C-alpha atoms as a PDB file:
ATOM      1  CA  MET A   1     -20.454  16.818  10.973  1.00  0.00           C
ATOM      2  CA  ALA A   2     -24.218  16.533  11.462  1.00  0.00           C
ATOM      3  CA  GLN A   3     -25.654  13.027  11.691  1.00  0.00           C
ATOM      4  CA  GLN A   4     -27.906  13.677   8.683  1.00  0.00           C
ATOM      5  CA  ASP A   5     -24.804  14.236   6.540  1.00  0.00           C
ATOM      6  CA  PHE A   6     -24.075  10.523   6.825  1.00  0.00           C
ATOM      7  CA  GLN A   7     -27.505   9.776   5.344  1.00  0.00           C
ATOM      8  CA  LYS A   8     -27.150  11.964   2.249  1.00  0.00           C
ATOM      9  CA  PRO A   9     -27.764   9.984  -0.942  1.00  0.00           C
ATOM     10  CA  LEU A  10     -24.674   9.516  -3.072  1.00  0.00           C
ATOM     11  CA  THR A  11     -24.650  10.161  -6.798  1.00  0.00           C
ATOM     12  CA  GLY A  12     -24.324   6.788  -8.469  1.00  0.00           C
ATOM     13  CA  GLY A  13     -25.209   4.962  -5.267  1.00  0.00           C
ATOM     14  CA  GLU A  14     -23.131   3.496  -2.443  1.00  0.00           C
ATOM     15  CA  THR A  15     -19.691   2.040  -3.118  1.00  0.00           C
ATOM     16  CA  THR A  16     -19.651  -1.690  -2.302  1.00  0.00           C
ATOM     17  CA  ALA A  17     -16.954  -4.313  -1.911  1.00  0.00           C
ATOM     18  CA  SER A  18     -18.317  -5.919  -5.085  1.00  0.00           C
ATOM     19  CA  ASN A  19     -17.677  -2.678  -7.008  1.00  0.00           C
ATOM     20  CA  LEU A  20     -14.083  -2.689  -5.820  1.00  0.00           C
ATOM     21  CA  SER A  21     -13.601  -6.373  -6.548  1.00  0.00           C
ATOM     22  CA  ARG A  22     -14.808  -5.832 -10.115  1.00  0.00           C
ATOM     23  CA  ALA A  23     -12.388  -2.901 -10.504  1.00  0.00           C
ATOM     24  CA  LEU A  24      -9.531  -5.185  -9.460  1.00  0.00           C
ATOM     25  CA  ILE A  25     -10.507  -7.934 -11.887  1.00  0.00           C
ATOM     26  CA  ALA A  26     -11.056  -5.514 -14.776  1.00  0.00           C
ATOM     27  CA  THR A  27      -7.657  -3.813 -14.455  1.00  0.00           C
ATOM     28  CA  SER A  28      -4.645  -5.426 -16.109  1.00  0.00           C
ATOM     29  CA  VAL A  29      -1.182  -5.235 -14.608  1.00  0.00           C
ATOM     30  CA  GLU A  30       1.295  -3.490 -16.883  1.00  0.00           C
ATOM     31  CA  HIS A  31       4.787  -4.991 -16.907  1.00  0.00           C
ATOM     32  CA  LYS A  32       7.327  -2.492 -15.617  1.00  0.00           C
ATOM     33  CA  PRO A  33      11.035  -2.833 -14.798  1.00  0.00           C
ATOM     34  CA  LEU A  34      12.073  -3.345 -11.187  1.00  0.00           C
ATOM     35  CA  PRO A  35      12.964  -0.047  -9.495  1.00  0.00           C
ATOM     36  CA  GLY A  36      16.722   0.502  -9.497  1.00  0.00           C
ATOM     37  CA  PHE A  37      17.560  -2.066 -12.176  1.00  0.00           C
ATOM     38  CA  ASP A  38      18.638  -1.649 -15.802  1.00  0.00           C
ATOM     39  CA  MET A  39      16.627  -4.195 -17.819  1.00  0.00           C
ATOM     40  CA  ASP A  40      19.085  -3.980 -20.728  1.00  0.00           C
ATOM     41  CA  ARG A  41      22.104  -5.045 -18.690  1.00  0.00           C
ATOM     42  CA  ASP A  42      23.245  -8.546 -19.672  1.00  0.00           C
ATOM     43  CA  ASP A  43      24.882  -9.934 -16.539  1.00  0.00           C
ATOM     44  CA  PRO A  44      23.916 -13.273 -14.874  1.00  0.00           C
ATOM     45  CA  ARG A  45      24.810 -12.054 -11.380  1.00  0.00           C
ATOM     46  CA  TYR A  46      22.843  -8.860 -11.918  1.00  0.00           C
ATOM     47  CA  TYR A  47      19.899 -10.956 -13.119  1.00  0.00           C
ATOM     48  CA  ARG A  48      20.065 -13.157 -10.005  1.00  0.00           C
ATOM     49  CA  LEU A  49      19.918 -10.066  -7.799  1.00  0.00           C
ATOM     50  CA  GLN A  50      16.638  -9.117  -9.472  1.00  0.00           C
ATOM     51  CA  GLN A  51      15.143 -12.504  -8.571  1.00  0.00           C
ATOM     52  CA  GLU A  52      15.496 -11.619  -4.885  1.00  0.00           C
ATOM     53  CA  ILE A  53      13.433  -8.439  -5.232  1.00  0.00           C
ATOM     54  CA  ASP A  54       9.626  -8.100  -5.306  1.00  0.00           C
ATOM     55  CA  CYS A  55       8.890  -4.415  -5.425  1.00  0.00           C
ATOM     56  CA  ASP A  56       6.878  -2.038  -7.620  1.00  0.00           C
ATOM     57  CA  LEU A  57       6.606   1.720  -7.856  1.00  0.00           C
ATOM     58  CA  VAL A  58       2.832   2.220  -7.664  1.00  0.00           C
ATOM     59  CA  TYR A  59       2.685   6.015  -7.279  1.00  0.00           C
ATOM     60  CA  PRO A  60       5.394   8.705  -7.356  1.00  0.00           C
ATOM     61  CA  GLY A  61       7.430   8.167  -4.185  1.00  0.00           C
ATOM     62  CA  ILE A  62       5.481   5.056  -3.065  1.00  0.00           C
ATOM     63  CA  LEU A  63       6.613   1.450  -3.511  1.00  0.00           C
ATOM     64  CA  ILE A  64       4.846  -1.752  -2.484  1.00  0.00           C
ATOM     65  CA  GLY A  65       6.766  -4.972  -1.922  1.00  0.00           C
ATOM     66  CA  ASP A  66       7.191  -8.145   0.070  1.00  0.00           C
ATOM     67  CA  ALA A  67       8.914  -9.117   3.331  1.00  0.00           C
ATOM     68  CA  ALA A  68      12.182 -10.267   1.737  1.00  0.00           C
ATOM     69  CA  THR A  69      12.602  -6.929  -0.028  1.00  0.00           C
ATOM     70  CA  ALA A  70      11.753  -5.084   3.184  1.00  0.00           C
ATOM     71  CA  LYS A  71      14.683  -6.817   4.873  1.00  0.00           C
ATOM     72  CA  ASN A  72      17.057  -5.946   2.022  1.00  0.00           C
ATOM     73  CA  LYS A  73      18.200  -2.648   3.507  1.00  0.00           C
ATOM     74  CA  SER A  74      21.001  -2.129   1.000  1.00  0.00           C
ATOM     75  CA  TYR A  75      18.529  -2.323  -1.881  1.00  0.00           C
ATOM     76  CA  LEU A  76      16.060   0.036  -0.182  1.00  0.00           C
ATOM     77  CA  LYS A  77      18.866   2.484   0.485  1.00  0.00           C
ATOM     78  CA  ARG A  78      20.069   2.252  -3.115  1.00  0.00           C
ATOM     79  CA  ILE A  79      16.660   3.167  -4.553  1.00  0.00           C
ATOM     80  CA  GLY A  80      16.277   6.094  -2.145  1.00  0.00           C
ATOM     81  CA  VAL A  81      13.766   4.769   0.402  1.00  0.00           C
ATOM     82  CA  THR A  82      13.523   7.033   3.461  1.00  0.00           C
ATOM     83  CA  HIS A  83      10.411   5.586   5.143  1.00  0.00           C
ATOM     84  CA  VAL A  84       9.206   2.007   5.722  1.00  0.00           C
ATOM     85  CA  LEU A  85       5.640   1.034   6.605  1.00  0.00           C
ATOM     86  CA  ASN A  86       5.329  -2.569   7.759  1.00  0.00           C
ATOM     87  CA  ALA A  87       1.629  -3.462   7.616  1.00  0.00           C
ATOM     88  CA  ALA A  88       2.325  -6.895   9.128  1.00  0.00           C
ATOM     89  CA  GLU A  89       4.540  -6.227  12.147  1.00  0.00           C
ATOM     90  CA  GLY A  90       4.847  -9.226  14.431  1.00  0.00           C
ATOM     91  CA  THR A  91       6.645 -12.486  15.104  1.00  0.00           C
ATOM     92  CA  ARG A  92       3.880 -14.974  14.327  1.00  0.00           C
ATOM     93  CA  PHE A  93       3.458 -16.842  11.025  1.00  0.00           C
ATOM     94  CA  GLY A  94       2.363 -14.438   8.286  1.00  0.00           C
ATOM     95  CA  PHE A  95       3.970 -11.448  10.007  1.00  0.00           C
ATOM     96  CA  VAL A  96       7.273  -9.624   9.460  1.00  0.00           C
ATOM     97  CA  PRO A  97       9.509  -9.215  12.564  1.00  0.00           C
ATOM     98  CA  THR A  98      11.095  -5.828  11.873  1.00  0.00           C
ATOM     99  CA  ASN A  99      10.925  -2.642  13.947  1.00  0.00           C
ATOM    100  CA  LYS A 100      12.447   0.823  14.297  1.00  0.00           C
ATOM    101  CA  GLU A 101      15.743  -0.633  15.489  1.00  0.00           C
ATOM    102  CA  TYR A 102      16.066  -2.759  12.364  1.00  0.00           C
ATOM    103  CA  TYR A 103      16.280   0.352  10.178  1.00  0.00           C
ATOM    104  CA  ARG A 104      18.210   2.578  12.550  1.00  0.00           C
ATOM    105  CA  ASP A 105      21.591   1.924  10.859  1.00  0.00           C
ATOM    106  CA  VAL A 106      20.217   3.116   7.495  1.00  0.00           C
ATOM    107  CA  ASN A 107      18.389   6.079   9.003  1.00  0.00           C
ATOM    108  CA  MET A 108      14.926   5.125   7.724  1.00  0.00           C
ATOM    109  CA  THR A 109      11.758   6.281   9.468  1.00  0.00           C
ATOM    110  CA  TYR A 110       9.588   3.289  10.396  1.00  0.00           C
ATOM    111  CA  LEU A 111       5.952   2.567  11.201  1.00  0.00           C
ATOM    112  CA  GLY A 112       4.712  -0.905  12.132  1.00  0.00           C
ATOM    113  CA  LEU A 113       1.066  -2.009  12.111  1.00  0.00           C
ATOM    114  CA  PRO A 114       0.239  -5.399  13.721  1.00  0.00           C
ATOM    115  CA  LEU A 115      -2.263  -6.559  11.086  1.00  0.00           C
ATOM    116  CA  ALA A 116      -3.194 -10.112  10.124  1.00  0.00           C
ATOM    117  CA  ASP A 117      -4.406 -10.688   6.560  1.00  0.00           C
ATOM    118  CA  LEU A 118      -7.886 -11.836   7.562  1.00  0.00           C
ATOM    119  CA  PRO A 119     -11.255 -10.450   6.398  1.00  0.00           C
ATOM    120  CA  SER A 120     -12.325 -10.102  10.045  1.00  0.00           C
ATOM    121  CA  VAL A 121      -9.414  -7.781  10.947  1.00  0.00           C
ATOM    122  CA  ASP A 122     -10.271  -4.106  11.433  1.00  0.00           C
ATOM    123  CA  ILE A 123      -7.645  -2.471   9.234  1.00  0.00           C
ATOM    124  CA  SER A 124      -9.773   0.684   9.019  1.00  0.00           C
ATOM    125  CA  LYS A 125      -8.625   1.839  12.463  1.00  0.00           C
ATOM    126  CA  TYR A 126      -5.179   2.369  10.925  1.00  0.00           C
ATOM    127  CA  PHE A 127      -6.299   4.082   7.699  1.00  0.00           C
ATOM    128  CA  TYR A 128      -5.595   7.609   8.900  1.00  0.00           C
ATOM    129  CA  THR A 129      -2.389   6.608  10.727  1.00  0.00           C
ATOM    130  CA  ALA A 130      -0.998   4.981   7.582  1.00  0.00           C
ATOM    131  CA  ALA A 131      -2.143   7.869   5.379  1.00  0.00           C
ATOM    132  CA  ALA A 132      -0.488  10.436   7.659  1.00  0.00           C
ATOM    133  CA  PHE A 133       2.780   8.467   7.716  1.00  0.00           C
ATOM    134  CA  ILE A 134       2.904   8.171   3.918  1.00  0.00           C
ATOM    135  CA  ASP A 135       1.907  11.814   3.542  1.00  0.00           C
ATOM    136  CA  ASP A 136       4.703  12.918   5.874  1.00  0.00           C
ATOM    137  CA  ALA A 137       7.184  10.988   3.724  1.00  0.00           C
ATOM    138  CA  MET A 138       5.866  12.638   0.566  1.00  0.00           C
ATOM    139  CA  LYS A 139       5.912  16.139   2.042  1.00  0.00           C
ATOM    140  CA  SER A 140       9.513  15.715   3.172  1.00  0.00           C
ATOM    141  CA  GLY A 141      10.556  14.738  -0.352  1.00  0.00           C
ATOM    142  CA  GLY A 142      11.134  11.149   0.727  1.00  0.00           C
ATOM    143  CA  LYS A 143      10.242   7.775  -0.689  1.00  0.00           C
ATOM    144  CA  VAL A 144       8.192   5.212   1.241  1.00  0.00           C
ATOM    145  CA  PHE A 145       8.311   1.420   0.970  1.00  0.00           C
ATOM    146  CA  VAL A 146       5.031  -0.155   2.112  1.00  0.00           C
ATOM    147  CA  HIS A 147       5.000  -3.899   2.665  1.00  0.00           C
ATOM    148  CA  CYS A 148       3.380  -6.839   4.388  1.00  0.00           C
ATOM    149  CA  MET A 149       4.287 -10.504   3.868  1.00  0.00           C
ATOM    150  CA  VAL A 150       3.620 -10.798   0.149  1.00  0.00           C
ATOM    151  CA  GLY A 151       2.756  -7.199  -0.691  1.00  0.00           C
ATOM    152  CA  VAL A 152      -0.727  -7.683  -2.129  1.00  0.00           C
ATOM    153  CA  SER A 153      -3.346  -7.220   0.618  1.00  0.00           C
ATOM    154  CA  ARG A 154      -2.455  -5.380   3.849  1.00  0.00           C
ATOM    155  CA  SER A 155       0.143  -3.083   2.280  1.00  0.00           C
ATOM    156  CA  ALA A 156      -1.986  -2.385  -0.796  1.00  0.00           C
ATOM    157  CA  THR A 157      -4.975  -1.522   1.377  1.00  0.00           C
ATOM    158  CA  CYS A 158      -2.922   1.033   3.318  1.00  0.00           C
ATOM    159  CA  VAL A 159      -1.731   2.718   0.110  1.00  0.00           C
ATOM    160  CA  ILE A 160      -5.256   2.760  -1.329  1.00  0.00           C
ATOM    161  CA  ALA A 161      -6.482   4.443   1.875  1.00  0.00           C
ATOM    162  CA  TYR A 162      -3.709   7.041   1.558  1.00  0.00           C
ATOM    163  CA  LEU A 163      -4.704   7.863  -2.021  1.00  0.00           C
ATOM    164  CA  MET A 164      -8.329   8.229  -0.935  1.00  0.00           C
ATOM    165  CA  ILE A 165      -7.702  10.304   2.195  1.00  0.00           C
ATOM    166  CA  LYS A 166      -4.804  12.495   1.108  1.00  0.00           C
ATOM    167  CA  ARG A 167      -5.079  12.556  -2.697  1.00  0.00           C
ATOM    168  CA  HIS A 168      -8.892  12.526  -2.833  1.00  0.00           C
ATOM    169  CA  LEU A 169      -9.147   9.599  -5.238  1.00  0.00           C
ATOM    170  CA  LEU A 170     -12.256   7.466  -5.234  1.00  0.00           C
ATOM    171  CA  ALA A 171     -11.673   3.894  -4.060  1.00  0.00           C
ATOM    172  CA  GLU A 172     -12.093   2.466  -7.558  1.00  0.00           C
ATOM    173  CA  GLU A 173      -9.682   5.029  -8.999  1.00  0.00           C
ATOM    174  CA  ALA A 174      -7.064   4.236  -6.351  1.00  0.00           C
ATOM    175  CA  ILE A 175      -7.417   0.488  -6.884  1.00  0.00           C
ATOM    176  CA  ARG A 176      -7.114   0.775 -10.664  1.00  0.00           C
ATOM    177  CA  LEU A 177      -4.089   3.049 -10.344  1.00  0.00           C
ATOM    178  CA  ILE A 178      -2.171   0.670  -8.085  1.00  0.00           C
ATOM    179  CA  ARG A 179      -3.328  -2.470  -9.886  1.00  0.00           C
ATOM    180  CA  LYS A 180      -1.776  -1.196 -13.134  1.00  0.00           C
ATOM    181  CA  SER A 181       1.651  -1.374 -11.467  1.00  0.00           C
ATOM    182  CA  ARG A 182       1.259  -4.368  -9.137  1.00  0.00           C
ATOM    183  CA  SER A 183      -0.944  -7.443  -8.903  1.00  0.00           C
ATOM    184  CA  ILE A 184      -2.703  -6.522  -5.653  1.00  0.00           C
ATOM    185  CA  HIS A 185      -5.481  -8.542  -4.006  1.00  0.00           C
ATOM    186  CA  PRO A 186      -6.879  -7.001  -0.786  1.00  0.00           C
ATOM    187  CA  ASN A 187      -9.046  -9.568   0.982  1.00  0.00           C
ATOM    188  CA  GLU A 188     -12.832  -9.242   0.939  1.00  0.00           C
ATOM    189  CA  GLY A 189     -13.021  -7.723   4.423  1.00  0.00           C
ATOM    190  CA  PHE A 190     -10.482  -5.051   3.520  1.00  0.00           C
ATOM    191  CA  LEU A 191     -12.417  -4.219   0.338  1.00  0.00           C
ATOM    192  CA  TYR A 192     -15.560  -3.818   2.429  1.00  0.00           C
ATOM    193  CA  GLN A 193     -13.741  -1.408   4.759  1.00  0.00           C
ATOM    194  CA  LEU A 194     -12.340   0.571   1.806  1.00  0.00           C
ATOM    195  CA  ALA A 195     -15.853   0.813   0.366  1.00  0.00           C
ATOM    196  CA  ARG A 196     -17.116   2.127   3.703  1.00  0.00           C
ATOM    197  CA  LEU A 197     -14.297   4.694   3.797  1.00  0.00           C
ATOM    198  CA  ASP A 198     -15.152   5.720   0.228  1.00  0.00           C
ATOM    199  CA  ASN A 199     -18.789   6.377   1.182  1.00  0.00           C
ATOM    200  CA  GLN A 200     -17.733   8.357   4.250  1.00  0.00           C
ATOM    201  CA  LEU A 201     -15.313  10.530   2.252  1.00  0.00           C
ATOM    202  CA  ARG A 202     -17.807  11.058  -0.570  1.00  0.00           C
ATOM    203  CA  ARG A 203     -20.460  12.234   1.890  1.00  0.00           C
ATOM    204  CA  HIS A 204     -17.957  14.517   3.612  1.00  0.00           C
ATOM    205  CA  ARG A 205     -17.265  16.192   0.259  1.00  0.00           C
ATOM    206  CA  LEU A 206     -20.942  16.759  -0.639  1.00  0.00           C
END
């Protein structure tokens, strides 16, 4: 692409992190049942099982959740997960120590990204890697579980990038879509990088 293409003015102006932050705040989370559970079933043990799960279907075939749910392989298998994207792979505090071997016995395809949830971290270098992994899962008719430690920043950012790159949603549209199903909160640095990606993609489509 010619250098001048990156200087083309954008209709409505440049997307900023502030735009995306406002979209997050303005979008309410709609209460939805946990994937794989019958909300009408009256059973104390069944109810306790639900308390151990933090997982939401945010787009057809894509779930976002936390570390504890990511380690619950029987649950993931039961709801049909075929692919797992760990956006916080590592052994340090704030990371999730899983890998390909962890999911080998349940035959799930795995991708690990060693990302810390800090505004200074360059998550953008993994945008296209994450998007391609999720897209491969979708094209194969699979279901992908995307997680980090809590399931609100690193994982959400990866799914937003996928929706922008592969589904051609604007950043604000992607954020609103996911936020309706899960209370996500990408950190300020990640929002800045998503805004930059949005401007790049918008210029590419001019």
